[in-house]
Amino acid sequence: MTIYFGDKAINHLVSKIKQDDPKSSSHWDHFHSKFDYKDGNFSGIEGFGSDRQAFTGIRKIAHRIFQTPFRAMGKKFRGFESIDKLAVNILNKQNKGYSLDVLRQVISLADLNDNKVVKRNGTTCVIGDGYGPMTSLLLENNH
């Protein structure tokens, strides 16, 4: 088995990008169909979650209104409001929109906190975080 390091590892992986994987699901085949790496840049990255620019005007208002039932669910958790504010600050720094995906992560972290599943300054493994909202929330919340 050949072991690759540095640029050789990257070049090896690039040479395999368009290679068919018979074990891959149709879902991932679809989401990876436009993926490419050329001249040091990734393109065609697509997956779960939302990575939209910050919402403005009527779009921002509409998103907030459509989130109302989910925000009501979140308010039953003690830390929801503070985590919600934390998410707003993170998204403002990133110039990203407060999507339902982010709200889902805020509610999930509030629930995990209430049930003492995650601990301050503890270690947490996040798998499949999409564009990273849960990881950002955990880091900013000292988890």
N, C-alpha and C. Protein backbone atom coordinates (compact mmCIF):
# COMPACT_ATOMS: atom_id res chain seq x y z
N MET A 1 0.84 -1.18 0.00
CA MET A 1 0.00 0.00 0.00
C MET A 1 0.89 1.25 0.00
N THR A 2 0.64 2.12 -0.94
CA THR A 2 1.40 3.35 -1.05
C THR A 2 0.86 4.38 -0.08
N ILE A 3 1.75 5.08 0.59
CA ILE A 3 1.36 6.16 1.51
C ILE A 3 1.76 7.48 0.87
N TYR A 4 0.80 8.41 0.83
CA TYR A 4 1.03 9.70 0.20
C TYR A 4 1.04 10.80 1.26
N PHE A 5 1.89 11.82 1.04
CA PHE A 5 1.96 12.97 1.93
C PHE A 5 1.92 14.25 1.12
N GLY A 6 1.44 15.33 1.73
CA GLY A 6 1.48 16.66 1.13
C GLY A 6 0.86 16.72 -0.25
N ASP A 7 1.56 17.37 -1.18
CA ASP A 7 1.04 17.56 -2.54
C ASP A 7 0.79 16.24 -3.25
N LYS A 8 1.60 15.21 -2.96
CA LYS A 8 1.39 13.91 -3.59
C LYS A 8 0.05 13.32 -3.16
N ALA A 9 -0.32 13.52 -1.90
CA ALA A 9 -1.62 13.03 -1.42
C ALA A 9 -2.76 13.76 -2.10
N ILE A 10 -2.62 15.07 -2.22
CA ILE A 10 -3.67 15.87 -2.88
C ILE A 10 -3.79 15.46 -4.34
N ASN A 11 -2.67 15.34 -5.03
CA ASN A 11 -2.71 14.95 -6.44
C ASN A 11 -3.31 13.56 -6.63
N HIS A 12 -3.00 12.65 -5.73
CA HIS A 12 -3.58 11.30 -5.80
C HIS A 12 -5.10 11.37 -5.65
N LEU A 13 -5.57 12.12 -4.67
CA LEU A 13 -7.02 12.24 -4.46
C LEU A 13 -7.70 12.92 -5.64
N VAL A 14 -7.06 13.96 -6.19
CA VAL A 14 -7.62 14.65 -7.36
C VAL A 14 -7.77 13.68 -8.53
N SER A 15 -6.81 12.80 -8.70
CA SER A 15 -6.88 11.83 -9.81
C SER A 15 -8.04 10.85 -9.64
N LYS A 16 -8.58 10.75 -8.44
CA LYS A 16 -9.67 9.81 -8.16
C LYS A 16 -11.04 10.47 -8.11
N ILE A 17 -11.12 11.80 -8.25
CA ILE A 17 -12.38 12.53 -8.06
C ILE A 17 -13.51 11.98 -8.94
N LYS A 18 -13.26 11.75 -10.19
CA LYS A 18 -14.31 11.34 -11.12
C LYS A 18 -14.43 9.81 -11.25
N GLN A 19 -13.69 9.09 -10.45
CA GLN A 19 -13.74 7.64 -10.50
C GLN A 19 -15.06 7.16 -9.87
N ASP A 20 -15.75 6.26 -10.55
CA ASP A 20 -17.01 5.71 -10.02
C ASP A 20 -16.74 4.87 -8.78
N ASP A 21 -17.64 4.99 -7.82
CA ASP A 21 -17.57 4.17 -6.62
C ASP A 21 -18.83 3.31 -6.58
N PRO A 22 -18.71 2.03 -6.82
CA PRO A 22 -19.90 1.17 -6.89
C PRO A 22 -20.65 1.09 -5.55
N LYS A 23 -20.01 1.47 -4.46
CA LYS A 23 -20.65 1.42 -3.15
C LYS A 23 -21.33 2.75 -2.79
N SER A 24 -21.18 3.75 -3.62
CA SER A 24 -21.75 5.06 -3.35
C SER A 24 -23.26 5.05 -3.60
N SER A 25 -24.00 5.77 -2.75
CA SER A 25 -25.45 5.84 -2.94
C SER A 25 -25.79 6.84 -4.04
N SER A 26 -27.00 6.72 -4.57
CA SER A 26 -27.46 7.65 -5.61
C SER A 26 -27.53 9.07 -5.04
N HIS A 27 -27.81 9.18 -3.74
CA HIS A 27 -27.85 10.50 -3.09
C HIS A 27 -26.49 11.19 -3.24
N TRP A 28 -25.42 10.50 -2.80
CA TRP A 28 -24.10 11.12 -2.85
C TRP A 28 -23.59 11.24 -4.28
N ASP A 29 -23.97 10.33 -5.14
CA ASP A 29 -23.61 10.47 -6.56
C ASP A 29 -24.16 11.80 -7.10
N HIS A 30 -25.40 12.10 -6.74
CA HIS A 30 -26.01 13.36 -7.17
C HIS A 30 -25.27 14.56 -6.58
N PHE A 31 -25.03 14.56 -5.26
CA PHE A 31 -24.42 15.71 -4.62
C PHE A 31 -22.95 15.89 -4.97
N HIS A 32 -22.29 14.84 -5.41
CA HIS A 32 -20.87 14.95 -5.79
C HIS A 32 -20.67 15.08 -7.29
N SER A 33 -21.75 15.10 -8.05
CA SER A 33 -21.63 15.07 -9.51
C SER A 33 -20.88 16.27 -10.09
N LYS A 34 -20.94 17.42 -9.44
CA LYS A 34 -20.27 18.63 -9.96
C LYS A 34 -19.00 18.97 -9.19
N PHE A 35 -18.64 18.13 -8.21
CA PHE A 35 -17.47 18.39 -7.39
C PHE A 35 -16.20 18.31 -8.23
N ASP A 36 -15.29 19.28 -8.00
CA ASP A 36 -14.02 19.27 -8.71
C ASP A 36 -12.98 20.03 -7.90
N TYR A 37 -11.72 19.77 -8.21
CA TYR A 37 -10.60 20.45 -7.58
C TYR A 37 -9.60 20.75 -8.68
N LYS A 38 -9.36 22.05 -8.90
CA LYS A 38 -8.47 22.45 -9.97
C LYS A 38 -7.70 23.70 -9.54
N ASP A 39 -6.40 23.68 -9.78
CA ASP A 39 -5.53 24.83 -9.48
C ASP A 39 -5.69 25.31 -8.04
N GLY A 40 -5.82 24.35 -7.11
CA GLY A 40 -5.90 24.69 -5.69
C GLY A 40 -7.26 25.15 -5.21
N ASN A 41 -8.30 25.05 -6.06
CA ASN A 41 -9.63 25.52 -5.69
C ASN A 41 -10.67 24.42 -5.84
N PHE A 42 -11.58 24.35 -4.84
CA PHE A 42 -12.70 23.42 -4.89
C PHE A 42 -13.86 24.10 -5.59
N SER A 43 -14.65 23.33 -6.31
CA SER A 43 -15.88 23.84 -6.91
C SER A 43 -16.92 22.74 -6.88
N GLY A 44 -18.18 23.13 -7.05
CA GLY A 44 -19.26 22.17 -7.09
C GLY A 44 -19.56 21.51 -5.76
N ILE A 45 -19.18 22.17 -4.66
CA ILE A 45 -19.44 21.60 -3.35
C ILE A 45 -20.92 21.79 -3.02
N GLU A 46 -21.56 20.69 -2.71
CA GLU A 46 -22.99 20.73 -2.42
C GLU A 46 -23.28 19.66 -1.37
N GLY A 47 -24.21 19.92 -0.49
CA GLY A 47 -24.55 18.93 0.52
C GLY A 47 -25.71 19.38 1.36
N PHE A 48 -25.81 18.84 2.55
CA PHE A 48 -26.89 19.18 3.45
C PHE A 48 -26.68 20.55 4.06
N GLY A 49 -27.75 21.16 4.49
CA GLY A 49 -27.65 22.43 5.19
C GLY A 49 -27.74 23.61 4.25
N SER A 50 -27.59 24.76 4.85
CA SER A 50 -27.71 26.00 4.10
C SER A 50 -26.45 26.81 4.27
N ASP A 51 -25.98 27.37 3.19
CA ASP A 51 -24.78 28.19 3.21
C ASP A 51 -25.06 29.50 2.49
N ARG A 52 -26.27 30.05 2.69
CA ARG A 52 -26.68 31.26 1.98
C ARG A 52 -26.15 32.52 2.66
N GLN A 53 -26.02 33.54 1.84
CA GLN A 53 -25.62 34.85 2.35
C GLN A 53 -26.71 35.38 3.29
N ALA A 54 -26.35 36.36 4.10
CA ALA A 54 -27.29 36.92 5.07
C ALA A 54 -28.57 37.37 4.37
N PHE A 55 -29.69 37.11 5.02
CA PHE A 55 -30.98 37.52 4.49
C PHE A 55 -31.21 38.99 4.81
N THR A 56 -31.85 39.70 3.89
CA THR A 56 -32.17 41.11 4.11
C THR A 56 -33.62 41.37 3.73
N GLY A 57 -34.13 42.47 4.21
CA GLY A 57 -35.46 42.93 3.81
C GLY A 57 -36.55 41.93 4.07
N ILE A 58 -37.42 41.79 3.08
CA ILE A 58 -38.60 40.93 3.21
C ILE A 58 -38.21 39.47 3.39
N ARG A 59 -37.13 39.06 2.79
CA ARG A 59 -36.66 37.67 2.93
C ARG A 59 -36.29 37.38 4.39
N LYS A 60 -35.63 38.32 5.05
CA LYS A 60 -35.27 38.15 6.46
C LYS A 60 -36.53 38.05 7.32
N ILE A 61 -37.49 38.91 7.05
CA ILE A 61 -38.76 38.90 7.80
C ILE A 61 -39.50 37.59 7.56
N ALA A 62 -39.57 37.14 6.31
CA ALA A 62 -40.28 35.90 5.98
C ALA A 62 -39.64 34.70 6.67
N HIS A 63 -38.32 34.64 6.65
CA HIS A 63 -37.63 33.53 7.31
C HIS A 63 -37.97 33.51 8.80
N ARG A 64 -37.96 34.67 9.42
CA ARG A 64 -38.28 34.75 10.85
C ARG A 64 -39.72 34.30 11.12
N ILE A 65 -40.66 34.72 10.29
CA ILE A 65 -42.06 34.33 10.47
C ILE A 65 -42.22 32.81 10.30
N PHE A 66 -41.62 32.25 9.27
CA PHE A 66 -41.75 30.82 9.03
C PHE A 66 -41.08 29.99 10.13
N GLN A 67 -40.15 30.59 10.87
CA GLN A 67 -39.47 29.88 11.96
C GLN A 67 -40.27 29.92 13.26
N THR A 68 -41.35 30.68 13.32
CA THR A 68 -42.11 30.89 14.55
C THR A 68 -42.47 29.58 15.26
N PRO A 69 -43.05 28.59 14.59
CA PRO A 69 -43.42 27.37 15.34
C PRO A 69 -42.20 26.65 15.93
N PHE A 70 -41.08 26.70 15.23
CA PHE A 70 -39.88 26.03 15.72
C PHE A 70 -39.25 26.81 16.87
N ARG A 71 -39.31 28.13 16.79
CA ARG A 71 -38.81 28.96 17.89
C ARG A 71 -39.64 28.73 19.15
N ALA A 72 -40.94 28.51 18.99
CA ALA A 72 -41.80 28.20 20.14
C ALA A 72 -41.37 26.88 20.78
N MET A 73 -40.98 25.91 19.96
CA MET A 73 -40.47 24.64 20.49
C MET A 73 -39.17 24.89 21.26
N GLY A 74 -38.31 25.73 20.71
CA GLY A 74 -37.02 25.99 21.35
C GLY A 74 -37.13 26.69 22.68
N LYS A 75 -38.15 27.50 22.86
CA LYS A 75 -38.28 28.29 24.09
C LYS A 75 -38.54 27.45 25.32
N LYS A 76 -38.86 26.17 25.15
CA LYS A 76 -39.06 25.31 26.32
C LYS A 76 -37.72 24.92 26.96
N PHE A 77 -36.62 25.20 26.26
CA PHE A 77 -35.30 24.89 26.80
C PHE A 77 -34.70 26.14 27.44
N ARG A 78 -34.10 25.96 28.62
CA ARG A 78 -33.58 27.09 29.40
C ARG A 78 -32.57 27.94 28.63
N GLY A 79 -31.67 27.31 27.92
CA GLY A 79 -30.60 28.06 27.27
C GLY A 79 -30.89 28.50 25.84
N PHE A 80 -32.10 28.29 25.37
CA PHE A 80 -32.41 28.57 23.97
C PHE A 80 -32.09 30.02 23.59
N GLU A 81 -32.57 30.98 24.37
CA GLU A 81 -32.39 32.40 24.01
C GLU A 81 -30.92 32.78 23.87
N SER A 82 -30.09 32.32 24.81
CA SER A 82 -28.66 32.69 24.76
C SER A 82 -27.96 32.01 23.58
N ILE A 83 -28.31 30.77 23.30
CA ILE A 83 -27.70 30.07 22.16
C ILE A 83 -28.18 30.69 20.85
N ASP A 84 -29.45 31.11 20.82
CA ASP A 84 -30.01 31.78 19.65
C ASP A 84 -29.23 33.07 19.35
N LYS A 85 -28.96 33.85 20.39
CA LYS A 85 -28.18 35.10 20.22
C LYS A 85 -26.77 34.78 19.74
N LEU A 86 -26.19 33.72 20.29
CA LEU A 86 -24.86 33.29 19.88
C LEU A 86 -24.85 32.95 18.39
N ALA A 87 -25.89 32.24 17.95
CA ALA A 87 -25.98 31.87 16.53
C ALA A 87 -26.08 33.12 15.66
N VAL A 88 -26.86 34.11 16.08
CA VAL A 88 -26.99 35.36 15.32
C VAL A 88 -25.62 36.03 15.19
N ASN A 89 -24.86 36.08 16.28
CA ASN A 89 -23.52 36.70 16.24
C ASN A 89 -22.58 35.95 15.31
N ILE A 90 -22.61 34.63 15.38
CA ILE A 90 -21.76 33.82 14.50
C ILE A 90 -22.11 34.07 13.04
N LEU A 91 -23.41 34.03 12.73
CA LEU A 91 -23.85 34.22 11.35
C LEU A 91 -23.55 35.62 10.84
N ASN A 92 -23.65 36.62 11.71
CA ASN A 92 -23.30 38.00 11.31
C ASN A 92 -21.82 38.09 10.94
N LYS A 93 -20.97 37.44 11.72
CA LYS A 93 -19.53 37.45 11.41
C LYS A 93 -19.24 36.77 10.08
N GLN A 94 -20.04 35.74 9.77
CA GLN A 94 -19.84 34.96 8.54
C GLN A 94 -20.64 35.50 7.36
N ASN A 95 -21.46 36.53 7.61
CA ASN A 95 -22.38 37.07 6.60
C ASN A 95 -23.26 35.97 6.01
N LYS A 96 -23.81 35.13 6.91
CA LYS A 96 -24.67 34.02 6.50
C LYS A 96 -26.08 34.24 7.02
N GLY A 97 -27.05 33.62 6.35
CA GLY A 97 -28.45 33.73 6.72
C GLY A 97 -28.81 32.78 7.85
N TYR A 98 -29.74 33.20 8.70
CA TYR A 98 -30.23 32.37 9.81
C TYR A 98 -31.31 31.44 9.25
N SER A 99 -30.88 30.30 8.76
CA SER A 99 -31.78 29.35 8.11
C SER A 99 -32.40 28.41 9.14
N LEU A 100 -33.33 27.62 8.67
CA LEU A 100 -33.96 26.61 9.51
C LEU A 100 -32.92 25.58 9.96
N ASP A 101 -31.91 25.33 9.15
CA ASP A 101 -30.84 24.41 9.53
C ASP A 101 -30.12 24.90 10.78
N VAL A 102 -29.83 26.19 10.84
CA VAL A 102 -29.16 26.75 12.01
C VAL A 102 -30.08 26.69 13.22
N LEU A 103 -31.35 27.05 13.03
CA LEU A 103 -32.30 27.01 14.14
C LEU A 103 -32.42 25.59 14.70
N ARG A 104 -32.41 24.61 13.83
CA ARG A 104 -32.47 23.21 14.27
C ARG A 104 -31.26 22.88 15.16
N GLN A 105 -30.10 23.39 14.80
CA GLN A 105 -28.90 23.14 15.62
C GLN A 105 -28.97 23.88 16.95
N VAL A 106 -29.53 25.09 16.93
CA VAL A 106 -29.69 25.87 18.17
C VAL A 106 -30.60 25.12 19.14
N ILE A 107 -31.72 24.63 18.63
CA ILE A 107 -32.66 23.88 19.47
C ILE A 107 -32.01 22.59 19.98
N SER A 108 -31.28 21.92 19.11
CA SER A 108 -30.60 20.67 19.51
C SER A 108 -29.60 20.93 20.62
N LEU A 109 -28.79 21.99 20.50
CA LEU A 109 -27.81 22.29 21.53
C LEU A 109 -28.49 22.70 22.84
N ALA A 110 -29.58 23.45 22.76
CA ALA A 110 -30.32 23.82 23.97
C ALA A 110 -30.83 22.57 24.67
N ASP A 111 -31.34 21.62 23.91
CA ASP A 111 -31.82 20.35 24.47
C ASP A 111 -30.66 19.57 25.10
N LEU A 112 -29.54 19.48 24.38
CA LEU A 112 -28.38 18.77 24.91
C LEU A 112 -27.88 19.42 26.20
N ASN A 113 -27.88 20.74 26.24
CA ASN A 113 -27.46 21.45 27.47
C ASN A 113 -28.41 21.15 28.62
N ASP A 114 -29.71 21.25 28.37
CA ASP A 114 -30.70 20.99 29.42
C ASP A 114 -30.58 19.59 29.99
N ASN A 115 -30.25 18.65 29.14
CA ASN A 115 -30.13 17.26 29.58
C ASN A 115 -28.71 16.88 29.98
N LYS A 116 -27.84 17.89 30.08
CA LYS A 116 -26.45 17.72 30.52
C LYS A 116 -25.70 16.65 29.71
N VAL A 117 -25.96 16.62 28.42
CA VAL A 117 -25.29 15.68 27.53
C VAL A 117 -23.90 16.22 27.17
N VAL A 118 -23.81 17.52 26.92
CA VAL A 118 -22.52 18.14 26.63
C VAL A 118 -22.11 18.96 27.85
N LYS A 119 -20.81 19.02 28.09
CA LYS A 119 -20.30 19.72 29.27
C LYS A 119 -19.38 20.85 28.86
N ARG A 120 -19.38 21.91 29.64
CA ARG A 120 -18.49 23.03 29.39
C ARG A 120 -17.04 22.54 29.41
N ASN A 121 -16.26 23.02 28.47
CA ASN A 121 -14.86 22.64 28.31
C ASN A 121 -14.68 21.13 28.14
N GLY A 122 -15.73 20.45 27.72
CA GLY A 122 -15.65 19.01 27.48
C GLY A 122 -15.27 18.73 26.05
N THR A 123 -15.28 17.48 25.70
CA THR A 123 -14.96 17.06 24.34
C THR A 123 -16.24 16.55 23.67
N THR A 124 -16.48 17.00 22.47
CA THR A 124 -17.66 16.59 21.72
C THR A 124 -17.23 16.22 20.31
N CYS A 125 -17.76 15.14 19.82
CA CYS A 125 -17.50 14.71 18.44
C CYS A 125 -18.74 15.03 17.62
N VAL A 126 -18.58 15.84 16.59
CA VAL A 126 -19.68 16.21 15.72
C VAL A 126 -19.44 15.54 14.37
N ILE A 127 -20.44 14.77 13.94
CA ILE A 127 -20.33 14.05 12.67
C ILE A 127 -21.41 14.56 11.73
N GLY A 128 -21.03 14.95 10.53
CA GLY A 128 -22.01 15.36 9.53
C GLY A 128 -22.62 16.72 9.80
N ASP A 129 -21.80 17.69 10.15
CA ASP A 129 -22.28 19.02 10.52
C ASP A 129 -22.53 19.93 9.32
N GLY A 130 -22.48 19.39 8.12
CA GLY A 130 -22.76 20.23 6.95
C GLY A 130 -21.80 21.40 6.88
N TYR A 131 -22.34 22.62 7.00
CA TYR A 131 -21.51 23.83 6.92
C TYR A 131 -21.01 24.28 8.28
N GLY A 132 -21.17 23.46 9.32
CA GLY A 132 -20.55 23.70 10.60
C GLY A 132 -21.30 24.50 11.65
N PRO A 133 -22.63 24.63 11.59
CA PRO A 133 -23.29 25.44 12.61
C PRO A 133 -23.17 24.86 14.02
N MET A 134 -23.29 23.55 14.16
CA MET A 134 -23.19 22.96 15.50
C MET A 134 -21.78 23.12 16.06
N THR A 135 -20.79 22.88 15.24
CA THR A 135 -19.41 23.02 15.70
C THR A 135 -19.13 24.46 16.12
N SER A 136 -19.59 25.43 15.35
CA SER A 136 -19.40 26.84 15.71
C SER A 136 -20.09 27.16 17.02
N LEU A 137 -21.31 26.67 17.20
CA LEU A 137 -22.04 26.91 18.44
C LEU A 137 -21.34 26.28 19.63
N LEU A 138 -20.86 25.05 19.48
CA LEU A 138 -20.16 24.39 20.57
C LEU A 138 -18.88 25.14 20.95
N LEU A 139 -18.12 25.55 19.95
CA LEU A 139 -16.87 26.27 20.24
C LEU A 139 -17.14 27.61 20.92
N GLU A 140 -18.13 28.34 20.44
CA GLU A 140 -18.45 29.63 21.03
C GLU A 140 -19.11 29.49 22.41
N ASN A 141 -19.65 28.32 22.70
CA ASN A 141 -20.33 28.07 23.97
C ASN A 141 -19.42 27.30 24.93
N ASN A 142 -18.11 27.29 24.64
CA ASN A 142 -17.09 26.65 25.49
C ASN A 142 -17.31 25.16 25.69
N HIS A 143 -17.75 24.49 24.66
CA HIS A 143 -17.88 23.03 24.73
C HIS A 143 -16.72 22.43 23.96
